[in-house]
Amino acid sequence: MYLTYFNGSWSEGNTPLFGAMDHSVWLGSSVFDGARSLRGHMADLRLHLQRVITSAERLGLMCPLSVDEMEQLVREGVAKFPPDAELYIRPLVFGTDGLLIPVPEKSAFALTLFDAAMPPFTGFSACLSVLRRPDPSMAPTDAKASSLYANTSKALREAKERGYDNAVVCDSAGNVAEFASANLFFVTPQGKVVTPVPNGTFLSGITRARVIDLLAQAGVVVEERSVRPEELDTAVEIFNTGNYGKVTPCVRYEARSLPVGPIATLARERYMAYSDSQ
C-alpha cells in the first residue's frame, strides 16, 4: 500500500507529482529523507524531518512545512494503516520552477508512506566497488539529495552483476566511505569496533549515530577513523546501519564468509528495544 499526502489531500497508489517542465525532473533539484514506523513506533522521527528541511536548504530549496506540521501529517498517515504495519516514511521536497537555479519559494512537498517489512536479520553479501563517492567540492554531499543516488544505483547494479547484494564504496582518497546504501561498521581481529569517520563524502546517518550511542551505553566504544579497504579483508564482523534495515550483518564479503557476530547482534537488539520505547 502506498499513501501520499500532496497538495492538501491523501491519495493511494503512485501519486503523480511532477510536470515535464518542473526543475526537479530535468535538473535534479529534489531531496528526501527516510524514517520508519514499526508497529506505530517512530524512532528519531523528528530528526529525520529536520534533516529534510536542512537538505532542502543546502540544495537551494525551501521546505514548505515545519517539523511540527510534517510530524502531524506523518501520524495522521500512519493511523490509516493497520496497527502492526511496518512502514517507510518518505518526506520529499522538490523544485518546480527556475531555469538552472531553482526558485526556493516554488518548492513543493509530498509525504509518502508505504509498506516495507523489516528485512530479516540473516545478512547480505557485499563486494568492493570500483566507484568512488564524490567529495563536497564535487557534489551536494551534505544533503540527502536524489541526484546523489545515481552513484548508489550504479554501484549496486555492478555488485549484483557480480553476484553480490551490496557494495563497499570508497572516497576519492581510496578510504572506505560506506556501503552503497547504508553506513558501515566492522570489528577488527583485536576486537575493536570501527566505523569510517565522517569526512563529507557520505551522510553520517541518524541510525548510525543512534547505534553508536546505544553501543556506548552497553560499554562498547566505537572508533571513528579513516579505514583502508584491506582492513575489511581481516574483519571478524561487518555490518551496516541505515533507516531501511536499521542494523543488518554482512555475511559474505568478497569470497569470505562471515558470521552474524555478537556486536551486530547487540546493536540490533539495543536498537529495536530503543525503537519499541519510542
C-alpha atoms as a PDB file:
ATOM      1  CA  MET A   1       0.000   0.000   0.000  1.00  0.00           C
ATOM      2  CA  TYR A   2       1.240   3.459  -0.960  1.00  0.00           C
ATOM      3  CA  LEU A   3      -0.292   6.530   0.640  1.00  0.00           C
ATOM      4  CA  THR A   4       0.793  10.055  -0.333  1.00  0.00           C
ATOM      5  CA  TYR A   5      -0.081  13.478   1.019  1.00  0.00           C
ATOM      6  CA  PHE A   6       0.235  16.129  -1.707  1.00  0.00           C
ATOM      7  CA  ASN A   7      -1.466  19.491  -2.248  1.00  0.00           C
ATOM      8  CA  GLY A   8      -3.639  19.176   0.841  1.00  0.00           C
ATOM      9  CA  SER A   9      -5.026  15.661   0.470  1.00  0.00           C
ATOM     10  CA  TRP A  10      -4.150  11.976   0.772  1.00  0.00           C
ATOM     11  CA  SER A  11      -4.270   9.562  -2.144  1.00  0.00           C
ATOM     12  CA  GLU A  12      -3.451   5.897  -2.653  1.00  0.00           C
ATOM     13  CA  GLY A  13      -1.145   4.434  -5.269  1.00  0.00           C
ATOM     14  CA  ASN A  14       1.710   6.027  -7.201  1.00  0.00           C
ATOM     15  CA  THR A  15       0.513   9.643  -6.939  1.00  0.00           C
ATOM     16  CA  PRO A  16       1.602  11.899  -9.856  1.00  0.00           C
ATOM     17  CA  LEU A  17       3.663  14.850  -8.568  1.00  0.00           C
ATOM     18  CA  PHE A  18       5.669  16.386 -11.409  1.00  0.00           C
ATOM     19  CA  GLY A  19       5.219  18.300 -14.634  1.00  0.00           C
ATOM     20  CA  ALA A  20       7.505  17.947 -17.626  1.00  0.00           C
ATOM     21  CA  MET A  21       8.981  21.412 -17.001  1.00  0.00           C
ATOM     22  CA  ASP A  22       9.462  21.050 -13.241  1.00  0.00           C
ATOM     23  CA  HIS A  23      13.019  21.868 -12.211  1.00  0.00           C
ATOM     24  CA  SER A  24      13.354  18.635 -10.250  1.00  0.00           C
ATOM     25  CA  VAL A  25      12.519  16.470 -13.255  1.00  0.00           C
ATOM     26  CA  TRP A  26      15.127  17.709 -15.668  1.00  0.00           C
ATOM     27  CA  LEU A  27      17.670  19.383 -13.382  1.00  0.00           C
ATOM     28  CA  GLY A  28      17.616  17.123 -10.327  1.00  0.00           C
ATOM     29  CA  SER A  29      16.526  19.504  -7.557  1.00  0.00           C
ATOM     30  CA  SER A  30      14.919  17.146  -5.073  1.00  0.00           C
ATOM     31  CA  VAL A  31      15.755  15.915  -1.592  1.00  0.00           C
ATOM     32  CA  PHE A  32      14.115  13.343   0.611  1.00  0.00           C
ATOM     33  CA  ASP A  33      14.509  11.572   3.891  1.00  0.00           C
ATOM     34  CA  GLY A  34      13.540   8.212   5.278  1.00  0.00           C
ATOM     35  CA  ALA A  35      12.075   7.345   8.652  1.00  0.00           C
ATOM     36  CA  ARG A  36      10.318   4.275   9.977  1.00  0.00           C
ATOM     37  CA  SER A  37       7.083   3.378  11.696  1.00  0.00           C
ATOM     38  CA  LEU A  38       7.366  -0.080  13.219  1.00  0.00           C
ATOM     39  CA  ARG A  39       4.051  -1.119  14.730  1.00  0.00           C
ATOM     40  CA  GLY A  40       3.372   2.542  15.478  1.00  0.00           C
ATOM     41  CA  HIS A  41       6.797   3.295  16.976  1.00  0.00           C
ATOM     42  CA  MET A  42       8.644   6.080  15.143  1.00  0.00           C
ATOM     43  CA  ALA A  43      12.184   6.316  16.470  1.00  0.00           C
ATOM     44  CA  ASP A  44      14.012   9.604  15.782  1.00  0.00           C
ATOM     45  CA  LEU A  45      11.185  10.807  13.543  1.00  0.00           C
ATOM     46  CA  ARG A  46      11.756  14.490  14.230  1.00  0.00           C
ATOM     47  CA  LEU A  47      15.480  14.173  13.441  1.00  0.00           C
ATOM     48  CA  HIS A  48      14.608  12.787  10.015  1.00  0.00           C
ATOM     49  CA  LEU A  49      12.060  15.532   9.402  1.00  0.00           C
ATOM     50  CA  GLN A  50      14.546  18.211  10.408  1.00  0.00           C
ATOM     51  CA  ARG A  51      17.114  16.706   8.077  1.00  0.00           C
ATOM     52  CA  VAL A  52      14.839  17.011   5.048  1.00  0.00           C
ATOM     53  CA  ILE A  53      14.458  20.734   5.844  1.00  0.00           C
ATOM     54  CA  THR A  54      18.236  21.091   6.121  1.00  0.00           C
ATOM     55  CA  SER A  55      18.832  19.100   2.928  1.00  0.00           C
ATOM     56  CA  ALA A  56      16.372  21.306   1.054  1.00  0.00           C
ATOM     57  CA  GLU A  57      18.137  24.472   2.169  1.00  0.00           C
ATOM     58  CA  ARG A  58      21.518  23.105   1.096  1.00  0.00           C
ATOM     59  CA  LEU A  59      20.149  22.427  -2.383  1.00  0.00           C
ATOM     60  CA  GLY A  60      18.640  25.902  -2.697  1.00  0.00           C
ATOM     61  CA  LEU A  61      15.111  24.737  -1.939  1.00  0.00           C
ATOM     62  CA  MET A  62      12.686  25.622   0.843  1.00  0.00           C
ATOM     63  CA  CYS A  63      10.604  23.029   2.651  1.00  0.00           C
ATOM     64  CA  PRO A  64       7.055  24.448   2.812  1.00  0.00           C
ATOM     65  CA  LEU A  65       6.282  22.695   6.109  1.00  0.00           C
ATOM     66  CA  SER A  66       7.794  22.834   9.590  1.00  0.00           C
ATOM     67  CA  VAL A  67       8.866  19.786  11.588  1.00  0.00           C
ATOM     68  CA  ASP A  68       5.695  20.041  13.687  1.00  0.00           C
ATOM     69  CA  GLU A  69       3.478  20.186  10.584  1.00  0.00           C
ATOM     70  CA  MET A  70       5.223  17.220   8.982  1.00  0.00           C
ATOM     71  CA  GLU A  71       5.057  15.188  12.183  1.00  0.00           C
ATOM     72  CA  GLN A  72       1.317  15.789  12.413  1.00  0.00           C
ATOM     73  CA  LEU A  73       0.875  14.563   8.832  1.00  0.00           C
ATOM     74  CA  VAL A  74       3.052  11.511   9.463  1.00  0.00           C
ATOM     75  CA  ARG A  75       0.994  10.488  12.479  1.00  0.00           C
ATOM     76  CA  GLU A  76      -2.215  11.102  10.556  1.00  0.00           C
ATOM     77  CA  GLY A  77      -0.971   8.912   7.718  1.00  0.00           C
ATOM     78  CA  VAL A  78       0.337   6.116   9.944  1.00  0.00           C
ATOM     79  CA  ALA A  79      -3.078   5.907  11.596  1.00  0.00           C
ATOM     80  CA  LYS A  80      -4.554   4.926   8.213  1.00  0.00           C
ATOM     81  CA  PHE A  81      -2.541   1.671   8.226  1.00  0.00           C
ATOM     82  CA  PRO A  82      -3.046  -1.410  10.418  1.00  0.00           C
ATOM     83  CA  PRO A  83      -1.524  -1.071  13.913  1.00  0.00           C
ATOM     84  CA  ASP A  84       1.103  -3.744  13.225  1.00  0.00           C
ATOM     85  CA  ALA A  85       2.284  -2.216   9.940  1.00  0.00           C
ATOM     86  CA  GLU A  86       5.989  -1.791   9.213  1.00  0.00           C
ATOM     87  CA  LEU A  87       6.239   1.378   7.153  1.00  0.00           C
ATOM     88  CA  TYR A  88       8.761   3.522   5.333  1.00  0.00           C
ATOM     89  CA  ILE A  89       8.143   7.253   5.793  1.00  0.00           C
ATOM     90  CA  ARG A  90       9.469   9.453   2.967  1.00  0.00           C
ATOM     91  CA  PRO A  91       9.120  13.254   3.009  1.00  0.00           C
ATOM     92  CA  LEU A  92      10.133  14.751  -0.347  1.00  0.00           C
ATOM     93  CA  VAL A  93      10.919  18.364  -1.277  1.00  0.00           C
ATOM     94  CA  PHE A  94      11.377  19.209  -4.941  1.00  0.00           C
ATOM     95  CA  GLY A  95      11.885  22.231  -7.157  1.00  0.00           C
ATOM     96  CA  THR A  96       9.126  23.214  -9.567  1.00  0.00           C
ATOM     97  CA  ASP A  97      10.392  26.453 -11.112  1.00  0.00           C
ATOM     98  CA  GLY A  98      13.621  28.019 -12.286  1.00  0.00           C
ATOM     99  CA  LEU A  99      15.941  27.576 -15.233  1.00  0.00           C
ATOM    100  CA  LEU A 100      19.281  26.408 -13.843  1.00  0.00           C
ATOM    101  CA  ILE A 101      18.762  27.673 -10.288  1.00  0.00           C
ATOM    102  CA  PRO A 102      15.579  26.526  -8.556  1.00  0.00           C
ATOM    103  CA  VAL A 103      13.253  29.170  -7.109  1.00  0.00           C
ATOM    104  CA  PRO A 104      13.185  28.335  -3.370  1.00  0.00           C
ATOM    105  CA  GLU A 105       9.689  29.712  -2.785  1.00  0.00           C
ATOM    106  CA  LYS A 106       8.325  27.440  -5.521  1.00  0.00           C
ATOM    107  CA  SER A 107       9.474  24.254  -3.780  1.00  0.00           C
ATOM    108  CA  ALA A 108       6.801  21.580  -3.398  1.00  0.00           C
ATOM    109  CA  PHE A 109       6.314  18.915  -0.752  1.00  0.00           C
ATOM    110  CA  ALA A 110       4.958  15.389  -0.720  1.00  0.00           C
ATOM    111  CA  LEU A 111       4.863  12.795   2.039  1.00  0.00           C
ATOM    112  CA  THR A 112       4.655   9.126   1.095  1.00  0.00           C
ATOM    113  CA  LEU A 113       4.154   6.213   3.460  1.00  0.00           C
ATOM    114  CA  PHE A 114       4.344   2.657   2.206  1.00  0.00           C
ATOM    115  CA  ASP A 115       4.504  -0.924   3.442  1.00  0.00           C
ATOM    116  CA  ALA A 116       8.115  -2.037   3.863  1.00  0.00           C
ATOM    117  CA  ALA A 117       8.672  -5.068   6.055  1.00  0.00           C
ATOM    118  CA  MET A 118      11.877  -5.053   8.079  1.00  0.00           C
ATOM    119  CA  PRO A 119      14.430  -7.321   6.390  1.00  0.00           C
ATOM    120  CA  PRO A 120      15.311 -10.467   8.346  1.00  0.00           C
ATOM    121  CA  PHE A 121      18.475 -10.462  10.425  1.00  0.00           C
ATOM    122  CA  THR A 122      20.050 -13.083   8.187  1.00  0.00           C
ATOM    123  CA  GLY A 123      22.539 -10.881   6.396  1.00  0.00           C
ATOM    124  CA  PHE A 124      23.697  -9.797   2.956  1.00  0.00           C
ATOM    125  CA  SER A 125      26.746 -10.146   0.731  1.00  0.00           C
ATOM    126  CA  ALA A 126      28.979  -7.321  -0.473  1.00  0.00           C
ATOM    127  CA  CYS A 127      31.997  -6.625  -2.645  1.00  0.00           C
ATOM    128  CA  LEU A 128      34.360  -3.691  -3.068  1.00  0.00           C
ATOM    129  CA  SER A 129      33.169  -1.278  -5.756  1.00  0.00           C
ATOM    130  CA  VAL A 130      35.451   0.465  -8.227  1.00  0.00           C
ATOM    131  CA  LEU A 131      33.238   3.557  -7.898  1.00  0.00           C
ATOM    132  CA  ARG A 132      34.074   6.411  -5.527  1.00  0.00           C
ATOM    133  CA  ARG A 133      31.885   8.787  -3.553  1.00  0.00           C
ATOM    134  CA  PRO A 134      32.208  12.440  -4.651  1.00  0.00           C
ATOM    135  CA  ASP A 135      33.898  14.977  -2.407  1.00  0.00           C
ATOM    136  CA  PRO A 136      31.991  18.003  -1.021  1.00  0.00           C
ATOM    137  CA  SER A 137      33.744  20.091  -3.680  1.00  0.00           C
ATOM    138  CA  MET A 138      32.136  17.952  -6.393  1.00  0.00           C
ATOM    139  CA  ALA A 139      28.516  17.426  -5.333  1.00  0.00           C
ATOM    140  CA  PRO A 140      25.931  18.341  -2.645  1.00  0.00           C
ATOM    141  CA  THR A 141      27.154  15.609  -0.312  1.00  0.00           C
ATOM    142  CA  ASP A 142      25.851  17.452   2.769  1.00  0.00           C
ATOM    143  CA  ALA A 143      22.262  16.843   1.657  1.00  0.00           C
ATOM    144  CA  LYS A 144      20.184  13.721   1.127  1.00  0.00           C
ATOM    145  CA  ALA A 145      19.857  14.729  -2.497  1.00  0.00           C
ATOM    146  CA  SER A 146      18.163  12.442  -5.011  1.00  0.00           C
ATOM    147  CA  SER A 147      20.836  13.297  -7.572  1.00  0.00           C
ATOM    148  CA  LEU A 148      23.480  11.505  -5.481  1.00  0.00           C
ATOM    149  CA  TYR A 149      21.660   8.202  -5.856  1.00  0.00           C
ATOM    150  CA  ALA A 150      22.783   7.679  -9.445  1.00  0.00           C
ATOM    151  CA  ASN A 151      26.143   6.815  -7.891  1.00  0.00           C
ATOM    152  CA  THR A 152      24.452   4.429  -5.469  1.00  0.00           C
ATOM    153  CA  SER A 153      22.389   2.771  -8.192  1.00  0.00           C
ATOM    154  CA  LYS A 154      25.429   2.181 -10.388  1.00  0.00           C
ATOM    155  CA  ALA A 155      27.414   0.655  -7.520  1.00  0.00           C
ATOM    156  CA  LEU A 156      24.521  -1.638  -6.604  1.00  0.00           C
ATOM    157  CA  ARG A 157      23.915  -2.640 -10.214  1.00  0.00           C
ATOM    158  CA  GLU A 158      27.548  -3.596 -10.716  1.00  0.00           C
ATOM    159  CA  ALA A 159      27.585  -5.504  -7.411  1.00  0.00           C
ATOM    160  CA  LYS A 160      24.522  -7.504  -8.416  1.00  0.00           C
ATOM    161  CA  GLU A 161      26.105  -8.291 -11.784  1.00  0.00           C
ATOM    162  CA  ARG A 162      28.991  -9.822  -9.806  1.00  0.00           C
ATOM    163  CA  GLY A 163      26.582 -11.832  -7.632  1.00  0.00           C
ATOM    164  CA  TYR A 164      26.535  -9.650  -4.511  1.00  0.00           C
ATOM    165  CA  ASP A 165      23.744  -7.782  -2.748  1.00  0.00           C
ATOM    166  CA  ASN A 166      25.614  -4.582  -1.936  1.00  0.00           C
ATOM    167  CA  ALA A 167      28.926  -2.801  -2.426  1.00  0.00           C
ATOM    168  CA  VAL A 168      31.520  -1.044  -0.297  1.00  0.00           C
ATOM    169  CA  VAL A 169      32.258   2.369  -1.795  1.00  0.00           C
ATOM    170  CA  CYS A 170      35.402   4.406  -1.099  1.00  0.00           C
ATOM    171  CA  ASP A 171      36.018   8.149  -1.153  1.00  0.00           C
ATOM    172  CA  SER A 172      38.283   9.892  -3.643  1.00  0.00           C
ATOM    173  CA  ALA A 173      41.330   9.209  -1.434  1.00  0.00           C
ATOM    174  CA  GLY A 174      40.652   5.474  -1.528  1.00  0.00           C
ATOM    175  CA  ASN A 175      39.421   5.186   2.059  1.00  0.00           C
ATOM    176  CA  VAL A 176      36.235   3.302   2.849  1.00  0.00           C
ATOM    177  CA  ALA A 177      33.217   5.605   2.953  1.00  0.00           C
ATOM    178  CA  GLU A 178      30.210   3.320   3.415  1.00  0.00           C
ATOM    179  CA  PHE A 179      28.116   0.652   1.793  1.00  0.00           C
ATOM    180  CA  ALA A 180      26.317   1.827  -1.326  1.00  0.00           C
ATOM    181  CA  SER A 181      23.059   2.144   0.600  1.00  0.00           C
ATOM    182  CA  ALA A 182      23.984   2.315   4.308  1.00  0.00           C
ATOM    183  CA  ASN A 183      26.720   3.212   6.771  1.00  0.00           C
ATOM    184  CA  LEU A 184      29.407   0.630   7.530  1.00  0.00           C
ATOM    185  CA  PHE A 185      30.798  -0.824  10.763  1.00  0.00           C
ATOM    186  CA  PHE A 186      33.288  -3.633  11.325  1.00  0.00           C
ATOM    187  CA  VAL A 187      35.105  -5.425  14.133  1.00  0.00           C
ATOM    188  CA  THR A 188      38.870  -5.857  13.931  1.00  0.00           C
ATOM    189  CA  PRO A 189      40.704  -9.088  14.858  1.00  0.00           C
ATOM    190  CA  GLN A 190      41.678  -7.270  18.088  1.00  0.00           C
ATOM    191  CA  GLY A 191      38.001  -6.769  18.927  1.00  0.00           C
ATOM    192  CA  LYS A 192      37.782  -3.038  18.208  1.00  0.00           C
ATOM    193  CA  VAL A 193      34.546  -1.736  16.696  1.00  0.00           C
ATOM    194  CA  VAL A 194      35.265   0.729  13.894  1.00  0.00           C
ATOM    195  CA  THR A 195      33.277   2.917  11.511  1.00  0.00           C
ATOM    196  CA  PRO A 196      34.618   5.358   8.888  1.00  0.00           C
ATOM    197  CA  VAL A 197      34.931   8.880  10.227  1.00  0.00           C
ATOM    198  CA  PRO A 198      32.554  11.342   8.536  1.00  0.00           C
ATOM    199  CA  ASN A 199      34.600  13.380   6.054  1.00  0.00           C
ATOM    200  CA  GLY A 200      31.894  14.995   3.963  1.00  0.00           C
ATOM    201  CA  THR A 201      31.739  12.296   1.299  1.00  0.00           C
ATOM    202  CA  PHE A 202      28.812  10.444   2.870  1.00  0.00           C
ATOM    203  CA  LEU A 203      25.912  11.257   5.164  1.00  0.00           C
ATOM    204  CA  SER A 204      26.622  10.360   8.759  1.00  0.00           C
ATOM    205  CA  GLY A 205      23.286   8.691   9.325  1.00  0.00           C
ATOM    206  CA  ILE A 206      20.771   9.222  12.101  1.00  0.00           C
ATOM    207  CA  THR A 207      20.595   5.469  12.707  1.00  0.00           C
ATOM    208  CA  ARG A 208      24.414   5.341  12.672  1.00  0.00           C
ATOM    209  CA  ALA A 209      24.592   7.945  15.445  1.00  0.00           C
ATOM    210  CA  ARG A 210      21.895   6.194  17.460  1.00  0.00           C
ATOM    211  CA  VAL A 211      23.682   2.841  17.232  1.00  0.00           C
ATOM    212  CA  ILE A 212      26.991   4.384  18.316  1.00  0.00           C
ATOM    213  CA  ASP A 213      25.235   5.872  21.346  1.00  0.00           C
ATOM    214  CA  LEU A 214      23.391   2.650  22.210  1.00  0.00           C
ATOM    215  CA  LEU A 215      26.575   0.594  21.976  1.00  0.00           C
ATOM    216  CA  ALA A 216      28.365   3.117  24.198  1.00  0.00           C
ATOM    217  CA  GLN A 217      25.636   2.687  26.798  1.00  0.00           C
ATOM    218  CA  ALA A 218      26.397  -1.047  26.692  1.00  0.00           C
ATOM    219  CA  GLY A 219      30.095  -0.393  27.242  1.00  0.00           C
ATOM    220  CA  VAL A 220      31.142  -0.855  23.602  1.00  0.00           C
ATOM    221  CA  VAL A 221      33.217   2.038  22.259  1.00  0.00           C
ATOM    222  CA  VAL A 222      33.020   2.670  18.508  1.00  0.00           C
ATOM    223  CA  GLU A 223      36.175   4.107  16.976  1.00  0.00           C
ATOM    224  CA  GLU A 224      35.602   6.621  14.175  1.00  0.00           C
ATOM    225  CA  ARG A 225      38.637   6.868  11.906  1.00  0.00           C
ATOM    226  CA  SER A 226      39.904   6.538   8.348  1.00  0.00           C
ATOM    227  CA  VAL A 227      39.578   2.973   7.110  1.00  0.00           C
ATOM    228  CA  ARG A 228      41.577   1.307   4.341  1.00  0.00           C
ATOM    229  CA  PRO A 229      39.709  -1.243   2.187  1.00  0.00           C
ATOM    230  CA  GLU A 230      42.159  -4.030   3.061  1.00  0.00           C
ATOM    231  CA  GLU A 231      41.060  -3.818   6.703  1.00  0.00           C
ATOM    232  CA  LEU A 232      37.758  -5.396   5.706  1.00  0.00           C
ATOM    233  CA  ASP A 233      39.649  -8.448   4.449  1.00  0.00           C
ATOM    234  CA  THR A 234      40.520  -9.380   8.045  1.00  0.00           C
ATOM    235  CA  ALA A 235      37.409  -8.083   9.831  1.00  0.00           C
ATOM    236  CA  VAL A 236      35.715 -10.616  12.109  1.00  0.00           C
ATOM    237  CA  GLU A 237      32.350  -8.856  11.722  1.00  0.00           C
ATOM    238  CA  ILE A 238      30.967  -6.394   9.198  1.00  0.00           C
ATOM    239  CA  PHE A 239      27.518  -4.841   9.468  1.00  0.00           C
ATOM    240  CA  ASN A 240      25.603  -1.815   8.315  1.00  0.00           C
ATOM    241  CA  THR A 241      23.217   0.729   9.800  1.00  0.00           C
ATOM    242  CA  GLY A 242      20.521   2.576   7.932  1.00  0.00           C
ATOM    243  CA  ASN A 243      16.892   3.511   8.037  1.00  0.00           C
ATOM    244  CA  TYR A 244      15.611   0.629   5.945  1.00  0.00           C
ATOM    245  CA  GLY A 245      17.050  -2.318   7.857  1.00  0.00           C
ATOM    246  CA  LYS A 246      18.376  -0.476  10.928  1.00  0.00           C
ATOM    247  CA  VAL A 247      21.183  -2.983  11.685  1.00  0.00           C
ATOM    248  CA  THR A 248      21.994  -5.758   9.213  1.00  0.00           C
ATOM    249  CA  PRO A 249      25.002  -8.121   9.184  1.00  0.00           C
ATOM    250  CA  CYS A 250      27.224  -8.695   6.165  1.00  0.00           C
ATOM    251  CA  VAL A 251      27.681 -12.475   5.987  1.00  0.00           C
ATOM    252  CA  ARG A 252      29.852 -12.606   2.870  1.00  0.00           C
ATOM    253  CA  TYR A 253      32.441 -10.041   1.865  1.00  0.00           C
ATOM    254  CA  GLU A 254      34.105 -10.772  -1.458  1.00  0.00           C
ATOM    255  CA  ALA A 255      34.993 -14.508  -1.277  1.00  0.00           C
ATOM    256  CA  ARG A 256      34.972 -14.718   2.534  1.00  0.00           C
ATOM    257  CA  SER A 257      32.042 -15.849   4.696  1.00  0.00           C
ATOM    258  CA  LEU A 258      31.400 -14.005   7.954  1.00  0.00           C
ATOM    259  CA  PRO A 259      29.274 -14.847  10.995  1.00  0.00           C
ATOM    260  CA  VAL A 260      26.344 -12.905  12.325  1.00  0.00           C
ATOM    261  CA  GLY A 261      28.514 -11.665  15.152  1.00  0.00           C
ATOM    262  CA  PRO A 262      27.867 -10.590  18.747  1.00  0.00           C
ATOM    263  CA  ILE A 263      28.410  -6.850  18.133  1.00  0.00           C
ATOM    264  CA  ALA A 264      25.946  -6.683  15.254  1.00  0.00           C
ATOM    265  CA  THR A 265      23.500  -8.746  17.293  1.00  0.00           C
ATOM    266  CA  LEU A 266      23.886  -6.450  20.305  1.00  0.00           C
ATOM    267  CA  ALA A 267      23.473  -3.359  18.129  1.00  0.00           C
ATOM    268  CA  ARG A 268      20.317  -4.754  16.548  1.00  0.00           C
ATOM    269  CA  GLU A 269      18.807  -5.807  19.884  1.00  0.00           C
ATOM    270  CA  ARG A 270      19.524  -2.472  21.519  1.00  0.00           C
ATOM    271  CA  TYR A 271      18.229  -0.508  18.564  1.00  0.00           C
ATOM    272  CA  MET A 272      14.970  -2.457  18.386  1.00  0.00           C
ATOM    273  CA  ALA A 273      14.480  -2.057  22.146  1.00  0.00           C
ATOM    274  CA  TYR A 274      15.050   1.676  21.728  1.00  0.00           C
ATOM    275  CA  SER A 275      12.582   1.805  18.831  1.00  0.00           C
ATOM    276  CA  ASP A 276       9.933  -0.033  20.816  1.00  0.00           C
ATOM    277  CA  SER A 277      10.280   2.523  23.608  1.00  0.00           C
ATOM    278  CA  GLN A 278       9.501   5.487  21.365  1.00  0.00           C
END
